[in-house]
């Protein structure tokens, strides 16, 4: 797959998605194990990531399909809820968190970012 050329404002978010996807792979390889230390460190990064996306995209929602906004908001809410009530030794929780985070990052990279990029100012993020 050819690398995507991202708007400068989205490059760091894409890098953070890459790190999240790597975490998801590790969780799914050993879901019965506790990944508490790694997850807690990632939780500290996720909240600011979510806030940055929400702030950046807020002025552009009128240009984006409603279903994309609804999915974005629902998945952020689910992930926040899971982070607030982690079950580190629960295999089902580890799988659900990893799949939700993985699918969310992929959705943003493949669908949401391309939809919002045309509306981001050229100077944003530079």
C-alpha atoms as a PDB file:
ATOM      1  CA  UNK A   1       0.000   0.000   0.000  1.00  0.00           C
ATOM      2  CA  UNK A   2       1.343   3.419  -0.941  1.00  0.00           C
ATOM      3  CA  UNK A   3       1.996   5.684   2.083  1.00  0.00           C
ATOM      4  CA  UNK A   4      -0.609   8.383   2.482  1.00  0.00           C
ATOM      5  CA  UNK A   5       0.370  12.017   2.295  1.00  0.00           C
ATOM      6  CA  UNK A   6      -1.255  13.546   5.342  1.00  0.00           C
ATOM      7  CA  UNK A   7      -2.183  17.132   6.038  1.00  0.00           C
ATOM      8  CA  UNK A   8       0.494  18.543   8.380  1.00  0.00           C
ATOM      9  CA  UNK A   9      -2.071  18.911  11.191  1.00  0.00           C
ATOM     10  CA  UNK A  10      -2.786  15.170  11.072  1.00  0.00           C
ATOM     11  CA  UNK A  11       0.738  13.759  10.883  1.00  0.00           C
ATOM     12  CA  UNK A  12       1.338  13.494  14.633  1.00  0.00           C
ATOM     13  CA  UNK A  13      -2.142  12.006  15.136  1.00  0.00           C
ATOM     14  CA  UNK A  14      -1.300   9.364  12.518  1.00  0.00           C
ATOM     15  CA  UNK A  15       1.949   8.567  14.343  1.00  0.00           C
ATOM     16  CA  UNK A  16      -0.007   8.143  17.555  1.00  0.00           C
ATOM     17  CA  UNK A  17      -2.404   5.814  15.729  1.00  0.00           C
ATOM     18  CA  UNK A  18       0.565   3.690  14.696  1.00  0.00           C
ATOM     19  CA  UNK A  19       1.605   3.332  18.343  1.00  0.00           C
ATOM     20  CA  UNK A  20      -1.970   2.468  19.319  1.00  0.00           C
ATOM     21  CA  UNK A  21      -2.156  -0.190  16.606  1.00  0.00           C
ATOM     22  CA  UNK A  22       1.091  -1.730  17.871  1.00  0.00           C
ATOM     23  CA  UNK A  23      -0.399  -1.902  21.366  1.00  0.00           C
ATOM     24  CA  UNK A  24      -3.501  -3.600  19.972  1.00  0.00           C
ATOM     25  CA  UNK A  25      -1.389  -6.287  18.307  1.00  0.00           C
ATOM     26  CA  UNK A  26       0.358  -7.025  21.600  1.00  0.00           C
ATOM     27  CA  UNK A  27      -2.946  -7.185  23.490  1.00  0.00           C
ATOM     28  CA  UNK A  28      -4.501  -9.516  20.947  1.00  0.00           C
ATOM     29  CA  UNK A  29      -1.450 -11.819  20.950  1.00  0.00           C
ATOM     30  CA  UNK A  30      -1.777 -12.381  24.708  1.00  0.00           C
ATOM     31  CA  UNK A  31      -5.227 -11.251  25.842  1.00  0.00           C
ATOM     32  CA  UNK A  32      -5.227 -13.427  28.957  1.00  0.00           C
ATOM     33  CA  UNK A  33      -2.165 -11.620  30.332  1.00  0.00           C
ATOM     34  CA  UNK A  34      -2.246  -8.366  32.265  1.00  0.00           C
ATOM     35  CA  UNK A  35      -0.985  -5.447  30.215  1.00  0.00           C
ATOM     36  CA  UNK A  36      -1.662  -2.987  33.023  1.00  0.00           C
ATOM     37  CA  UNK A  37       1.611  -1.060  32.915  1.00  0.00           C
ATOM     38  CA  UNK A  38       1.522  -0.647  29.158  1.00  0.00           C
ATOM     39  CA  UNK A  39      -2.186   0.197  29.099  1.00  0.00           C
ATOM     40  CA  UNK A  40      -1.951   2.764  31.871  1.00  0.00           C
ATOM     41  CA  UNK A  41       0.867   4.526  30.040  1.00  0.00           C
ATOM     42  CA  UNK A  42      -1.201   4.511  26.856  1.00  0.00           C
ATOM     43  CA  UNK A  43      -4.305   5.803  28.668  1.00  0.00           C
ATOM     44  CA  UNK A  44      -2.315   8.904  29.633  1.00  0.00           C
ATOM     45  CA  UNK A  45      -1.643   9.558  25.940  1.00  0.00           C
ATOM     46  CA  UNK A  46      -5.113   8.705  24.653  1.00  0.00           C
ATOM     47  CA  UNK A  47      -7.112  11.383  26.463  1.00  0.00           C
ATOM     48  CA  UNK A  48      -5.039  14.308  25.085  1.00  0.00           C
ATOM     49  CA  UNK A  49      -5.160  12.603  21.666  1.00  0.00           C
ATOM     50  CA  UNK A  50      -8.964  12.454  21.813  1.00  0.00           C
ATOM     51  CA  UNK A  51      -9.219  16.086  22.936  1.00  0.00           C
ATOM     52  CA  UNK A  52      -6.915  17.236  20.137  1.00  0.00           C
ATOM     53  CA  UNK A  53      -8.990  15.412  17.519  1.00  0.00           C
ATOM     54  CA  UNK A  54     -12.273  16.668  18.945  1.00  0.00           C
ATOM     55  CA  UNK A  55     -11.007  20.248  19.007  1.00  0.00           C
ATOM     56  CA  UNK A  56      -9.518  20.057  15.518  1.00  0.00           C
ATOM     57  CA  UNK A  57     -12.563  18.471  13.901  1.00  0.00           C
ATOM     58  CA  UNK A  58     -15.273  20.501  15.699  1.00  0.00           C
ATOM     59  CA  UNK A  59     -15.289  23.401  13.203  1.00  0.00           C
ATOM     60  CA  UNK A  60     -15.567  20.974  10.273  1.00  0.00           C
ATOM     61  CA  UNK A  61     -18.363  18.593  11.280  1.00  0.00           C
ATOM     62  CA  UNK A  62     -20.856  20.392   9.044  1.00  0.00           C
ATOM     63  CA  UNK A  63     -18.730  19.258   6.064  1.00  0.00           C
ATOM     64  CA  UNK A  64     -18.480  15.619   7.157  1.00  0.00           C
ATOM     65  CA  UNK A  65     -21.177  12.924   6.917  1.00  0.00           C
ATOM     66  CA  UNK A  66     -23.210  12.722  10.138  1.00  0.00           C
ATOM     67  CA  UNK A  67     -22.580   8.977  10.412  1.00  0.00           C
ATOM     68  CA  UNK A  68     -18.819   9.617  10.625  1.00  0.00           C
ATOM     69  CA  UNK A  69     -19.273  12.104  13.448  1.00  0.00           C
ATOM     70  CA  UNK A  70     -21.600   9.754  15.291  1.00  0.00           C
ATOM     71  CA  UNK A  71     -19.160   6.860  15.003  1.00  0.00           C
ATOM     72  CA  UNK A  72     -16.227   9.050  16.059  1.00  0.00           C
ATOM     73  CA  UNK A  73     -18.060  10.312  19.147  1.00  0.00           C
ATOM     74  CA  UNK A  74     -19.472   6.901  20.105  1.00  0.00           C
ATOM     75  CA  UNK A  75     -16.086   5.214  19.874  1.00  0.00           C
ATOM     76  CA  UNK A  76     -14.349   7.950  21.875  1.00  0.00           C
ATOM     77  CA  UNK A  77     -17.068   7.568  24.539  1.00  0.00           C
ATOM     78  CA  UNK A  78     -16.692   3.781  24.627  1.00  0.00           C
ATOM     79  CA  UNK A  79     -12.902   3.934  24.869  1.00  0.00           C
ATOM     80  CA  UNK A  80     -13.091   6.571  27.632  1.00  0.00           C
ATOM     81  CA  UNK A  81     -15.532   4.394  29.555  1.00  0.00           C
ATOM     82  CA  UNK A  82     -13.268   1.371  29.185  1.00  0.00           C
ATOM     83  CA  UNK A  83     -10.235   3.382  30.316  1.00  0.00           C
ATOM     84  CA  UNK A  84     -12.175   4.587  33.375  1.00  0.00           C
ATOM     85  CA  UNK A  85     -13.042   0.995  34.309  1.00  0.00           C
ATOM     86  CA  UNK A  86     -10.158  -1.198  33.144  1.00  0.00           C
ATOM     87  CA  UNK A  87     -10.192  -4.950  33.695  1.00  0.00           C
ATOM     88  CA  UNK A  88      -6.544  -5.785  33.103  1.00  0.00           C
ATOM     89  CA  UNK A  89      -6.889  -9.484  33.915  1.00  0.00           C
ATOM     90  CA  UNK A  90     -10.082  -9.976  31.902  1.00  0.00           C
ATOM     91  CA  UNK A  91      -9.338 -11.595  28.549  1.00  0.00           C
ATOM     92  CA  UNK A  92     -12.651 -10.449  27.045  1.00  0.00           C
ATOM     93  CA  UNK A  93     -12.028  -6.852  28.165  1.00  0.00           C
ATOM     94  CA  UNK A  94      -8.504  -6.873  26.710  1.00  0.00           C
ATOM     95  CA  UNK A  95      -9.821  -8.179  23.388  1.00  0.00           C
ATOM     96  CA  UNK A  96     -12.717  -5.702  23.300  1.00  0.00           C
ATOM     97  CA  UNK A  97     -10.458  -2.761  24.119  1.00  0.00           C
ATOM     98  CA  UNK A  98      -7.875  -3.798  21.513  1.00  0.00           C
ATOM     99  CA  UNK A  99     -10.441  -4.392  18.763  1.00  0.00           C
ATOM    100  CA  UNK A 100     -12.300  -1.158  19.526  1.00  0.00           C
ATOM    101  CA  UNK A 101      -9.108   0.907  19.551  1.00  0.00           C
ATOM    102  CA  UNK A 102      -7.744  -0.819  16.432  1.00  0.00           C
ATOM    103  CA  UNK A 103     -10.947  -0.389  14.455  1.00  0.00           C
ATOM    104  CA  UNK A 104     -11.277   3.225  15.597  1.00  0.00           C
ATOM    105  CA  UNK A 105      -7.731   4.132  14.532  1.00  0.00           C
ATOM    106  CA  UNK A 106      -8.277   2.449  11.162  1.00  0.00           C
ATOM    107  CA  UNK A 107     -11.595   4.270  10.694  1.00  0.00           C
ATOM    108  CA  UNK A 108      -9.949   7.607  11.368  1.00  0.00           C
ATOM    109  CA  UNK A 109      -7.005   6.906   9.064  1.00  0.00           C
ATOM    110  CA  UNK A 110      -8.992   5.418   6.187  1.00  0.00           C
ATOM    111  CA  UNK A 111     -12.245   7.380   6.322  1.00  0.00           C
ATOM    112  CA  UNK A 112     -12.379  10.344   8.688  1.00  0.00           C
ATOM    113  CA  UNK A 113      -8.997  11.921   7.998  1.00  0.00           C
ATOM    114  CA  UNK A 114      -9.480  11.887   4.210  1.00  0.00           C
ATOM    115  CA  UNK A 115     -12.953  13.398   4.700  1.00  0.00           C
ATOM    116  CA  UNK A 116     -11.751  16.239   6.936  1.00  0.00           C
ATOM    117  CA  UNK A 117      -8.415  17.029   5.222  1.00  0.00           C
ATOM    118  CA  UNK A 118      -9.862  19.210   2.440  1.00  0.00           C
ATOM    119  CA  UNK A 119     -11.359  21.521   5.061  1.00  0.00           C
ATOM    120  CA  UNK A 120      -8.271  21.975   7.244  1.00  0.00           C
ATOM    121  CA  UNK A 121      -6.487  25.283   6.694  1.00  0.00           C
ATOM    122  CA  UNK A 122      -3.116  24.984   5.000  1.00  0.00           C
ATOM    123  CA  UNK A 123      -1.416  26.729   7.906  1.00  0.00           C
ATOM    124  CA  UNK A 124      -2.964  24.447  10.552  1.00  0.00           C
ATOM    125  CA  UNK A 125      -0.397  22.227  12.197  1.00  0.00           C
ATOM    126  CA  UNK A 126       2.611  23.790  10.511  1.00  0.00           C
END
